[in-house]
Amino acid sequence: DWTEEFLAPIIAIKVVDGLDAAIDHI
């Protein structure tokens, strides 16, 4: 789900531990 392009009413949601984790995930 973290790498999927859904093109549909679906969204992946993740709680991340700060800015560094967000940038790393993206």
mmCIF file of all heavy atoms, coordinates in Angstrom:
data_MODEL
# 
_entry.id   MODEL 
# 
loop_
_atom_site.group_PDB 
_atom_site.id 
_atom_site.type_symbol 
_atom_site.label_atom_id 
_atom_site.label_alt_id 
_atom_site.label_comp_id 
_atom_site.label_asym_id 
_atom_site.label_entity_id 
_atom_site.label_seq_id 
_atom_site.pdbx_PDB_ins_code 
_atom_site.Cartn_x 
_atom_site.Cartn_y 
_atom_site.Cartn_z 
_atom_site.occupancy 
_atom_site.B_iso_or_equiv 
_atom_site.pdbx_formal_charge 
_atom_site.auth_seq_id 
_atom_site.auth_comp_id 
_atom_site.auth_asym_id 
_atom_site.auth_atom_id 
_atom_site.pdbx_PDB_model_num 
ATOM 1   N N   . ASP A 1 1  ? 0.812   -1.213 0.000   1.00 0.00 ? 1  ASP A N   1 
ATOM 2   C CA  . ASP A 1 1  ? 0.000   0.000  0.000   1.00 0.00 ? 1  ASP A CA  1 
ATOM 3   C C   . ASP A 1 1  ? 0.847   1.265  0.000   1.00 0.00 ? 1  ASP A C   1 
ATOM 4   O O   . ASP A 1 1  ? 0.410   2.311  -0.485  1.00 0.00 ? 1  ASP A O   1 
ATOM 5   C CB  . ASP A 1 1  ? -0.948  0.021  1.207   1.00 0.00 ? 1  ASP A CB  1 
ATOM 6   C CG  . ASP A 1 1  ? -2.067  -0.991 1.087   1.00 0.00 ? 1  ASP A CG  1 
ATOM 7   O OD1 . ASP A 1 1  ? -2.503  -1.269 -0.049  1.00 0.00 ? 1  ASP A OD1 1 
ATOM 8   O OD2 . ASP A 1 1  ? -2.505  -1.518 2.137   1.00 0.00 ? 1  ASP A OD2 1 
ATOM 9   N N   . TRP A 1 2  ? 2.050   1.199  0.553   1.00 0.00 ? 2  TRP A N   1 
ATOM 10  C CA  . TRP A 1 2  ? 2.892   2.408  0.661   1.00 0.00 ? 2  TRP A CA  1 
ATOM 11  C C   . TRP A 1 2  ? 3.444   2.840  -0.698  1.00 0.00 ? 2  TRP A C   1 
ATOM 12  O O   . TRP A 1 2  ? 3.872   3.998  -0.839  1.00 0.00 ? 2  TRP A O   1 
ATOM 13  C CB  . TRP A 1 2  ? 4.036   2.189  1.650   1.00 0.00 ? 2  TRP A CB  1 
ATOM 14  C CG  . TRP A 1 2  ? 3.591   1.691  2.987   1.00 0.00 ? 2  TRP A CG  1 
ATOM 15  C CD1 . TRP A 1 2  ? 4.037   0.569  3.630   1.00 0.00 ? 2  TRP A CD1 1 
ATOM 16  C CD2 . TRP A 1 2  ? 2.601   2.266  3.853   1.00 0.00 ? 2  TRP A CD2 1 
ATOM 17  N NE1 . TRP A 1 2  ? 3.389   0.412  4.825   1.00 0.00 ? 2  TRP A NE1 1 
ATOM 18  C CE2 . TRP A 1 2  ? 2.505   1.454  4.992   1.00 0.00 ? 2  TRP A CE2 1 
ATOM 19  C CE3 . TRP A 1 2  ? 1.788   3.405  3.767   1.00 0.00 ? 2  TRP A CE3 1 
ATOM 20  C CZ2 . TRP A 1 2  ? 1.628   1.715  6.038   1.00 0.00 ? 2  TRP A CZ2 1 
ATOM 21  C CZ3 . TRP A 1 2  ? 0.904   3.669  4.804   1.00 0.00 ? 2  TRP A CZ3 1 
ATOM 22  C CH2 . TRP A 1 2  ? 0.830   2.845  5.923   1.00 0.00 ? 2  TRP A CH2 1 
ATOM 23  N N   . THR A 1 3  ? 3.430   1.970  -1.684  1.00 0.00 ? 3  THR A N   1 
ATOM 24  C CA  . THR A 1 3  ? 3.957   2.314  -3.011  1.00 0.00 ? 3  THR A CA  1 
ATOM 25  C C   . THR A 1 3  ? 2.881   2.306  -4.092  1.00 0.00 ? 3  THR A C   1 
ATOM 26  O O   . THR A 1 3  ? 3.187   2.464  -5.266  1.00 0.00 ? 3  THR A O   1 
ATOM 27  C CB  . THR A 1 3  ? 5.076   1.338  -3.415  1.00 0.00 ? 3  THR A CB  1 
ATOM 28  O OG1 . THR A 1 3  ? 4.583   -0.009 -3.365  1.00 0.00 ? 3  THR A OG1 1 
ATOM 29  C CG2 . THR A 1 3  ? 6.280   1.467  -2.485  1.00 0.00 ? 3  THR A CG2 1 
ATOM 30  N N   . GLU A 1 4  ? 1.634   2.167  -3.695  1.00 0.00 ? 4  GLU A N   1 
ATOM 31  C CA  . GLU A 1 4  ? 0.555   1.973  -4.659  1.00 0.00 ? 4  GLU A CA  1 
ATOM 32  C C   . GLU A 1 4  ? -0.028  3.296  -5.164  1.00 0.00 ? 4  GLU A C   1 
ATOM 33  O O   . GLU A 1 4  ? -0.213  4.241  -4.403  1.00 0.00 ? 4  GLU A O   1 
ATOM 34  C CB  . GLU A 1 4  ? -0.561  1.150  -4.013  1.00 0.00 ? 4  GLU A CB  1 
ATOM 35  C CG  . GLU A 1 4  ? -1.691  0.752  -4.945  1.00 0.00 ? 4  GLU A CG  1 
ATOM 36  C CD  . GLU A 1 4  ? -1.277  -0.278 -5.969  1.00 0.00 ? 4  GLU A CD  1 
ATOM 37  O OE1 . GLU A 1 4  ? -0.356  -1.078 -5.686  1.00 0.00 ? 4  GLU A OE1 1 
ATOM 38  O OE2 . GLU A 1 4  ? -1.856  -0.277 -7.067  1.00 0.00 ? 4  GLU A OE2 1 
ATOM 39  N N   . GLU A 1 5  ? -0.310  3.375  -6.462  1.00 0.00 ? 5  GLU A N   1 
ATOM 40  C CA  . GLU A 1 5  ? -1.131  4.435  -7.031  1.00 0.00 ? 5  GLU A CA  1 
ATOM 41  C C   . GLU A 1 5  ? -2.538  3.869  -7.170  1.00 0.00 ? 5  GLU A C   1 
ATOM 42  O O   . GLU A 1 5  ? -2.813  3.099  -8.084  1.00 0.00 ? 5  GLU A O   1 
ATOM 43  C CB  . GLU A 1 5  ? -0.598  4.903  -8.392  1.00 0.00 ? 5  GLU A CB  1 
ATOM 44  C CG  . GLU A 1 5  ? -1.405  6.057  -8.976  1.00 0.00 ? 5  GLU A CG  1 
ATOM 45  C CD  . GLU A 1 5  ? -0.950  6.477  -10.367 1.00 0.00 ? 5  GLU A CD  1 
ATOM 46  O OE1 . GLU A 1 5  ? -0.488  5.596  -11.133 1.00 0.00 ? 5  GLU A OE1 1 
ATOM 47  O OE2 . GLU A 1 5  ? -1.040  7.668  -10.693 1.00 0.00 ? 5  GLU A OE2 1 
ATOM 48  N N   . PHE A 1 6  ? -3.448  4.251  -6.270  1.00 0.00 ? 6  PHE A N   1 
ATOM 49  C CA  . PHE A 1 6  ? -4.760  3.621  -6.221  1.00 0.00 ? 6  PHE A CA  1 
ATOM 50  C C   . PHE A 1 6  ? -5.684  4.088  -7.349  1.00 0.00 ? 6  PHE A C   1 
ATOM 51  O O   . PHE A 1 6  ? -6.470  3.305  -7.864  1.00 0.00 ? 6  PHE A O   1 
ATOM 52  C CB  . PHE A 1 6  ? -5.419  3.889  -4.866  1.00 0.00 ? 6  PHE A CB  1 
ATOM 53  C CG  . PHE A 1 6  ? -4.651  3.352  -3.687  1.00 0.00 ? 6  PHE A CG  1 
ATOM 54  C CD1 . PHE A 1 6  ? -4.060  4.209  -2.770  1.00 0.00 ? 6  PHE A CD1 1 
ATOM 55  C CD2 . PHE A 1 6  ? -4.516  1.994  -3.499  1.00 0.00 ? 6  PHE A CD2 1 
ATOM 56  C CE1 . PHE A 1 6  ? -3.351  3.726  -1.687  1.00 0.00 ? 6  PHE A CE1 1 
ATOM 57  C CE2 . PHE A 1 6  ? -3.802  1.480  -2.414  1.00 0.00 ? 6  PHE A CE2 1 
ATOM 58  C CZ  . PHE A 1 6  ? -3.208  2.362  -1.508  1.00 0.00 ? 6  PHE A CZ  1 
ATOM 59  N N   . LEU A 1 7  ? -5.627  5.382  -7.686  1.00 0.00 ? 7  LEU A N   1 
ATOM 60  C CA  . LEU A 1 7  ? -6.560  5.950  -8.670  1.00 0.00 ? 7  LEU A CA  1 
ATOM 61  C C   . LEU A 1 7  ? -7.999  5.598  -8.315  1.00 0.00 ? 7  LEU A C   1 
ATOM 62  O O   . LEU A 1 7  ? -8.829  5.293  -9.171  1.00 0.00 ? 7  LEU A O   1 
ATOM 63  C CB  . LEU A 1 7  ? -6.217  5.474  -10.089 1.00 0.00 ? 7  LEU A CB  1 
ATOM 64  C CG  . LEU A 1 7  ? -4.841  5.879  -10.630 1.00 0.00 ? 7  LEU A CG  1 
ATOM 65  C CD1 . LEU A 1 7  ? -4.560  5.195  -11.965 1.00 0.00 ? 7  LEU A CD1 1 
ATOM 66  C CD2 . LEU A 1 7  ? -4.721  7.394  -10.761 1.00 0.00 ? 7  LEU A CD2 1 
ATOM 67  N N   . ALA A 1 8  ? -8.305  5.673  -7.026  1.00 0.00 ? 8  ALA A N   1 
ATOM 68  C CA  . ALA A 1 8  ? -9.599  5.248  -6.502  1.00 0.00 ? 8  ALA A CA  1 
ATOM 69  C C   . ALA A 1 8  ? -9.787  5.873  -5.123  1.00 0.00 ? 8  ALA A C   1 
ATOM 70  O O   . ALA A 1 8  ? -8.838  6.430  -4.548  1.00 0.00 ? 8  ALA A O   1 
ATOM 71  C CB  . ALA A 1 8  ? -9.648  3.717  -6.408  1.00 0.00 ? 8  ALA A CB  1 
ATOM 72  N N   . PRO A 1 9  ? -10.994 5.816  -4.555  1.00 0.00 ? 9  PRO A N   1 
ATOM 73  C CA  . PRO A 1 9  ? -11.215 6.359  -3.202  1.00 0.00 ? 9  PRO A CA  1 
ATOM 74  C C   . PRO A 1 9  ? -10.594 5.478  -2.119  1.00 0.00 ? 9  PRO A C   1 
ATOM 75  O O   . PRO A 1 9  ? -11.289 4.891  -1.286  1.00 0.00 ? 9  PRO A O   1 
ATOM 76  C CB  . PRO A 1 9  ? -12.742 6.445  -3.099  1.00 0.00 ? 9  PRO A CB  1 
ATOM 77  C CG  . PRO A 1 9  ? -13.241 5.458  -4.076  1.00 0.00 ? 9  PRO A CG  1 
ATOM 78  C CD  . PRO A 1 9  ? -12.254 5.398  -5.196  1.00 0.00 ? 9  PRO A CD  1 
ATOM 79  N N   . ILE A 1 10 ? -9.294  5.395  -2.151  1.00 0.00 ? 10 ILE A N   1 
ATOM 80  C CA  . ILE A 1 10 ? -8.493  4.629  -1.192  1.00 0.00 ? 10 ILE A CA  1 
ATOM 81  C C   . ILE A 1 10 ? -7.274  5.479  -0.847  1.00 0.00 ? 10 ILE A C   1 
ATOM 82  O O   . ILE A 1 10 ? -6.680  6.099  -1.729  1.00 0.00 ? 10 ILE A O   1 
ATOM 83  C CB  . ILE A 1 10 ? -8.009  3.284  -1.791  1.00 0.00 ? 10 ILE A CB  1 
ATOM 84  C CG1 . ILE A 1 10 ? -9.182  2.430  -2.254  1.00 0.00 ? 10 ILE A CG1 1 
ATOM 85  C CG2 . ILE A 1 10 ? -7.144  2.525  -0.790  1.00 0.00 ? 10 ILE A CG2 1 
ATOM 86  C CD1 . ILE A 1 10 ? -8.753  1.227  -3.089  1.00 0.00 ? 10 ILE A CD1 1 
ATOM 87  N N   . ILE A 1 11 ? -6.887  5.513  0.431   1.00 0.00 ? 11 ILE A N   1 
ATOM 88  C CA  . ILE A 1 11 ? -5.689  6.240  0.823   1.00 0.00 ? 11 ILE A CA  1 
ATOM 89  C C   . ILE A 1 11 ? -4.933  5.439  1.877   1.00 0.00 ? 11 ILE A C   1 
ATOM 90  O O   . ILE A 1 11 ? -5.539  4.786  2.734   1.00 0.00 ? 11 ILE A O   1 
ATOM 91  C CB  . ILE A 1 11 ? -6.032  7.655  1.359   1.00 0.00 ? 11 ILE A CB  1 
ATOM 92  C CG1 . ILE A 1 11 ? -4.772  8.517  1.479   1.00 0.00 ? 11 ILE A CG1 1 
ATOM 93  C CG2 . ILE A 1 11 ? -6.801  7.590  2.687   1.00 0.00 ? 11 ILE A CG2 1 
ATOM 94  C CD1 . ILE A 1 11 ? -5.060  9.994  1.716   1.00 0.00 ? 11 ILE A CD1 1 
ATOM 95  N N   . ALA A 1 12 ? -3.622  5.443  1.790   1.00 0.00 ? 12 ALA A N   1 
ATOM 96  C CA  . ALA A 1 12 ? -2.767  4.810  2.787   1.00 0.00 ? 12 ALA A CA  1 
ATOM 97  C C   . ALA A 1 12 ? -2.404  5.859  3.840   1.00 0.00 ? 12 ALA A C   1 
ATOM 98  O O   . ALA A 1 12 ? -2.055  6.985  3.503   1.00 0.00 ? 12 ALA A O   1 
ATOM 99  C CB  . ALA A 1 12 ? -1.512  4.246  2.134   1.00 0.00 ? 12 ALA A CB  1 
ATOM 100 N N   . ILE A 1 13 ? -2.500  5.485  5.122   1.00 0.00 ? 13 ILE A N   1 
ATOM 101 C CA  . ILE A 1 13 ? -2.244  6.428  6.217   1.00 0.00 ? 13 ILE A CA  1 
ATOM 102 C C   . ILE A 1 13 ? -1.198  5.839  7.155   1.00 0.00 ? 13 ILE A C   1 
ATOM 103 O O   . ILE A 1 13 ? -1.322  4.688  7.600   1.00 0.00 ? 13 ILE A O   1 
ATOM 104 C CB  . ILE A 1 13 ? -3.527  6.749  7.010   1.00 0.00 ? 13 ILE A CB  1 
ATOM 105 C CG1 . ILE A 1 13 ? -4.596  7.330  6.079   1.00 0.00 ? 13 ILE A CG1 1 
ATOM 106 C CG2 . ILE A 1 13 ? -3.235  7.712  8.153   1.00 0.00 ? 13 ILE A CG2 1 
ATOM 107 C CD1 . ILE A 1 13 ? -5.921  7.608  6.756   1.00 0.00 ? 13 ILE A CD1 1 
ATOM 108 N N   . LYS A 1 14 ? -0.182  6.650  7.462   1.00 0.00 ? 14 LYS A N   1 
ATOM 109 C CA  . LYS A 1 14 ? 0.884   6.191  8.351   1.00 0.00 ? 14 LYS A CA  1 
ATOM 110 C C   . LYS A 1 14 ? 1.258   7.295  9.335   1.00 0.00 ? 14 LYS A C   1 
ATOM 111 O O   . LYS A 1 14 ? 1.426   8.454  8.951   1.00 0.00 ? 14 LYS A O   1 
ATOM 112 C CB  . LYS A 1 14 ? 2.117   5.784  7.543   1.00 0.00 ? 14 LYS A CB  1 
ATOM 113 C CG  . LYS A 1 14 ? 3.226   5.142  8.380   1.00 0.00 ? 14 LYS A CG  1 
ATOM 114 C CD  . LYS A 1 14 ? 4.338   4.597  7.487   1.00 0.00 ? 14 LYS A CD  1 
ATOM 115 C CE  . LYS A 1 14 ? 5.338   3.781  8.306   1.00 0.00 ? 14 LYS A CE  1 
ATOM 116 N NZ  . LYS A 1 14 ? 6.371   3.158  7.444   1.00 0.00 ? 14 LYS A NZ  1 
ATOM 117 N N   . VAL A 1 15 ? 1.393   6.926  10.587  1.00 0.00 ? 15 VAL A N   1 
ATOM 118 C CA  . VAL A 1 15 ? 1.924   7.828  11.604  1.00 0.00 ? 15 VAL A CA  1 
ATOM 119 C C   . VAL A 1 15 ? 3.443   7.681  11.605  1.00 0.00 ? 15 VAL A C   1 
ATOM 120 O O   . VAL A 1 15 ? 3.962   6.560  11.688  1.00 0.00 ? 15 VAL A O   1 
ATOM 121 C CB  . VAL A 1 15 ? 1.340   7.507  12.995  1.00 0.00 ? 15 VAL A CB  1 
ATOM 122 C CG1 . VAL A 1 15 ? 2.038   8.328  14.069  1.00 0.00 ? 15 VAL A CG1 1 
ATOM 123 C CG2 . VAL A 1 15 ? -0.169  7.790  13.003  1.00 0.00 ? 15 VAL A CG2 1 
ATOM 124 N N   . VAL A 1 16 ? 4.142   8.809  11.481  1.00 0.00 ? 16 VAL A N   1 
ATOM 125 C CA  . VAL A 1 16 ? 5.605   8.778  11.384  1.00 0.00 ? 16 VAL A CA  1 
ATOM 126 C C   . VAL A 1 16 ? 6.216   9.559  12.540  1.00 0.00 ? 16 VAL A C   1 
ATOM 127 O O   . VAL A 1 16 ? 5.631   10.517 13.055  1.00 0.00 ? 16 VAL A O   1 
ATOM 128 C CB  . VAL A 1 16 ? 6.101   9.356  10.041  1.00 0.00 ? 16 VAL A CB  1 
ATOM 129 C CG1 . VAL A 1 16 ? 5.681   8.460  8.882   1.00 0.00 ? 16 VAL A CG1 1 
ATOM 130 C CG2 . VAL A 1 16 ? 5.598   10.773 9.820   1.00 0.00 ? 16 VAL A CG2 1 
ATOM 131 N N   . ASP A 1 17 ? 7.403   9.153  12.901  1.00 0.00 ? 17 ASP A N   1 
ATOM 132 C CA  . ASP A 1 17 ? 8.098   9.754  14.044  1.00 0.00 ? 17 ASP A CA  1 
ATOM 133 C C   . ASP A 1 17 ? 8.947   10.940 13.605  1.00 0.00 ? 17 ASP A C   1 
ATOM 134 O O   . ASP A 1 17 ? 10.176  10.865 13.554  1.00 0.00 ? 17 ASP A O   1 
ATOM 135 C CB  . ASP A 1 17 ? 8.952   8.702  14.741  1.00 0.00 ? 17 ASP A CB  1 
ATOM 136 C CG  . ASP A 1 17 ? 9.532   9.202  16.065  1.00 0.00 ? 17 ASP A CG  1 
ATOM 137 O OD1 . ASP A 1 17 ? 8.996   10.192 16.621  1.00 0.00 ? 17 ASP A OD1 1 
ATOM 138 O OD2 . ASP A 1 17 ? 10.511  8.602  16.548  1.00 0.00 ? 17 ASP A OD2 1 
ATOM 139 N N   . GLY A 1 18 ? 8.276   12.026 13.227  1.00 0.00 ? 18 GLY A N   1 
ATOM 140 C CA  . GLY A 1 18 ? 8.977   13.269 12.935  1.00 0.00 ? 18 GLY A CA  1 
ATOM 141 C C   . GLY A 1 18 ? 9.302   13.468 11.466  1.00 0.00 ? 18 GLY A C   1 
ATOM 142 O O   . GLY A 1 18 ? 9.046   12.616 10.602  1.00 0.00 ? 18 GLY A O   1 
ATOM 143 N N   . LEU A 1 19 ? 9.920   14.615 11.197  1.00 0.00 ? 19 LEU A N   1 
ATOM 144 C CA  . LEU A 1 19 ? 10.228  15.041 9.834   1.00 0.00 ? 19 LEU A CA  1 
ATOM 145 C C   . LEU A 1 19 ? 11.196  14.098 9.137   1.00 0.00 ? 19 LEU A C   1 
ATOM 146 O O   . LEU A 1 19 ? 11.021  13.765 7.959   1.00 0.00 ? 19 LEU A O   1 
ATOM 147 C CB  . LEU A 1 19 ? 10.795  16.465 9.858   1.00 0.00 ? 19 LEU A CB  1 
ATOM 148 C CG  . LEU A 1 19 ? 11.195  17.069 8.514   1.00 0.00 ? 19 LEU A CG  1 
ATOM 149 C CD1 . LEU A 1 19 ? 10.005  17.184 7.578   1.00 0.00 ? 19 LEU A CD1 1 
ATOM 150 C CD2 . LEU A 1 19 ? 11.837  18.451 8.731   1.00 0.00 ? 19 LEU A CD2 1 
ATOM 151 N N   . ASP A 1 20 ? 12.236  13.662 9.837   1.00 0.00 ? 20 ASP A N   1 
ATOM 152 C CA  . ASP A 1 20 ? 13.223  12.769 9.228   1.00 0.00 ? 20 ASP A CA  1 
ATOM 153 C C   . ASP A 1 20 ? 12.569  11.482 8.732   1.00 0.00 ? 20 ASP A C   1 
ATOM 154 O O   . ASP A 1 20 ? 12.859  11.004 7.635   1.00 0.00 ? 20 ASP A O   1 
ATOM 155 C CB  . ASP A 1 20 ? 14.339  12.431 10.221  1.00 0.00 ? 20 ASP A CB  1 
ATOM 156 C CG  . ASP A 1 20 ? 15.295  13.600 10.444  1.00 0.00 ? 20 ASP A CG  1 
ATOM 157 O OD1 . ASP A 1 20 ? 15.489  14.399 9.504   1.00 0.00 ? 20 ASP A OD1 1 
ATOM 158 O OD2 . ASP A 1 20 ? 15.840  13.728 11.548  1.00 0.00 ? 20 ASP A OD2 1 
ATOM 159 N N   . ALA A 1 21 ? 11.683  10.931 9.560   1.00 0.00 ? 21 ALA A N   1 
ATOM 160 C CA  . ALA A 1 21 ? 10.994  9.691  9.177   1.00 0.00 ? 21 ALA A CA  1 
ATOM 161 C C   . ALA A 1 21 ? 10.073  9.921  7.987   1.00 0.00 ? 21 ALA A C   1 
ATOM 162 O O   . ALA A 1 21 ? 9.947   9.053  7.115   1.00 0.00 ? 21 ALA A O   1 
ATOM 163 C CB  . ALA A 1 21 ? 10.211  9.144  10.365  1.00 0.00 ? 21 ALA A CB  1 
ATOM 164 N N   . ALA A 1 22 ? 9.424   11.089 7.942   1.00 0.00 ? 22 ALA A N   1 
ATOM 165 C CA  . ALA A 1 22 ? 8.540   11.407 6.820   1.00 0.00 ? 22 ALA A CA  1 
ATOM 166 C C   . ALA A 1 22 ? 9.331   11.502 5.523   1.00 0.00 ? 22 ALA A C   1 
ATOM 167 O O   . ALA A 1 22 ? 8.941   10.935 4.493   1.00 0.00 ? 22 ALA A O   1 
ATOM 168 C CB  . ALA A 1 22 ? 7.801   12.714 7.096   1.00 0.00 ? 22 ALA A CB  1 
ATOM 169 N N   . ILE A 1 23 ? 10.446  12.221 5.567   1.00 0.00 ? 23 ILE A N   1 
ATOM 170 C CA  . ILE A 1 23 ? 11.281  12.376 4.372   1.00 0.00 ? 23 ILE A CA  1 
ATOM 171 C C   . ILE A 1 23 ? 11.819  11.022 3.918   1.00 0.00 ? 23 ILE A C   1 
ATOM 172 O O   . ILE A 1 23 ? 11.812  10.700 2.726   1.00 0.00 ? 23 ILE A O   1 
ATOM 173 C CB  . ILE A 1 23 ? 12.427  13.373 4.640   1.00 0.00 ? 23 ILE A CB  1 
ATOM 174 C CG1 . ILE A 1 23 ? 11.853  14.787 4.827   1.00 0.00 ? 23 ILE A CG1 1 
ATOM 175 C CG2 . ILE A 1 23 ? 13.445  13.356 3.492   1.00 0.00 ? 23 ILE A CG2 1 
ATOM 176 C CD1 . ILE A 1 23 ? 12.873  15.809 5.292   1.00 0.00 ? 23 ILE A CD1 1 
ATOM 177 N N   . ASP A 1 24 ? 12.252  10.212 4.872   1.00 0.00 ? 24 ASP A N   1 
ATOM 178 C CA  . ASP A 1 24 ? 12.786  8.889  4.531   1.00 0.00 ? 24 ASP A CA  1 
ATOM 179 C C   . ASP A 1 24 ? 11.713  8.013  3.898   1.00 0.00 ? 24 ASP A C   1 
ATOM 180 O O   . ASP A 1 24 ? 11.966  7.332  2.899   1.00 0.00 ? 24 ASP A O   1 
ATOM 181 C CB  . ASP A 1 24 ? 13.347  8.217  5.785   1.00 0.00 ? 24 ASP A CB  1 
ATOM 182 C CG  . ASP A 1 24 ? 13.951  6.852  5.479   1.00 0.00 ? 24 ASP A CG  1 
ATOM 183 O OD1 . ASP A 1 24 ? 14.978  6.791  4.770   1.00 0.00 ? 24 ASP A OD1 1 
ATOM 184 O OD2 . ASP A 1 24 ? 13.395  5.835  5.948   1.00 0.00 ? 24 ASP A OD2 1 
ATOM 185 N N   . HIS A 1 25 ? 10.501  8.047  4.460   1.00 0.00 ? 25 HIS A N   1 
ATOM 186 C CA  . HIS A 1 25 ? 9.413   7.248  3.904   1.00 0.00 ? 25 HIS A CA  1 
ATOM 187 C C   . HIS A 1 25 ? 9.088   7.690  2.476   1.00 0.00 ? 25 HIS A C   1 
ATOM 188 O O   . HIS A 1 25 ? 8.944   6.849  1.578   1.00 0.00 ? 25 HIS A O   1 
ATOM 189 C CB  . HIS A 1 25 ? 8.160   7.377  4.776   1.00 0.00 ? 25 HIS A CB  1 
ATOM 190 C CG  . HIS A 1 25 ? 6.982   6.615  4.237   1.00 0.00 ? 25 HIS A CG  1 
ATOM 191 N ND1 . HIS A 1 25 ? 6.709   5.303  4.581   1.00 0.00 ? 25 HIS A ND1 1 
ATOM 192 C CD2 . HIS A 1 25 ? 6.006   6.975  3.355   1.00 0.00 ? 25 HIS A CD2 1 
ATOM 193 C CE1 . HIS A 1 25 ? 5.621   4.896  3.934   1.00 0.00 ? 25 HIS A CE1 1 
ATOM 194 N NE2 . HIS A 1 25 ? 5.169   5.893  3.195   1.00 0.00 ? 25 HIS A NE2 1 
ATOM 195 N N   . ILE A 1 26 ? 8.982   8.989  2.271   1.00 0.00 ? 26 ILE A N   1 
ATOM 196 C CA  . ILE A 1 26 ? 8.650   9.508  0.933   1.00 0.00 ? 26 ILE A CA  1 
ATOM 197 C C   . ILE A 1 26 ? 9.738   9.143  -0.077  1.00 0.00 ? 26 ILE A C   1 
ATOM 198 O O   . ILE A 1 26 ? 9.445   8.646  -1.168  1.00 0.00 ? 26 ILE A O   1 
ATOM 199 C CB  . ILE A 1 26 ? 8.430   11.032 0.987   1.00 0.00 ? 26 ILE A CB  1 
ATOM 200 C CG1 . ILE A 1 26 ? 7.159   11.347 1.774   1.00 0.00 ? 26 ILE A CG1 1 
ATOM 201 C CG2 . ILE A 1 26 ? 8.346   11.612 -0.423  1.00 0.00 ? 26 ILE A CG2 1 
ATOM 202 C CD1 . ILE A 1 26 ? 6.980   12.819 2.098   1.00 0.00 ? 26 ILE A CD1 1 
# 
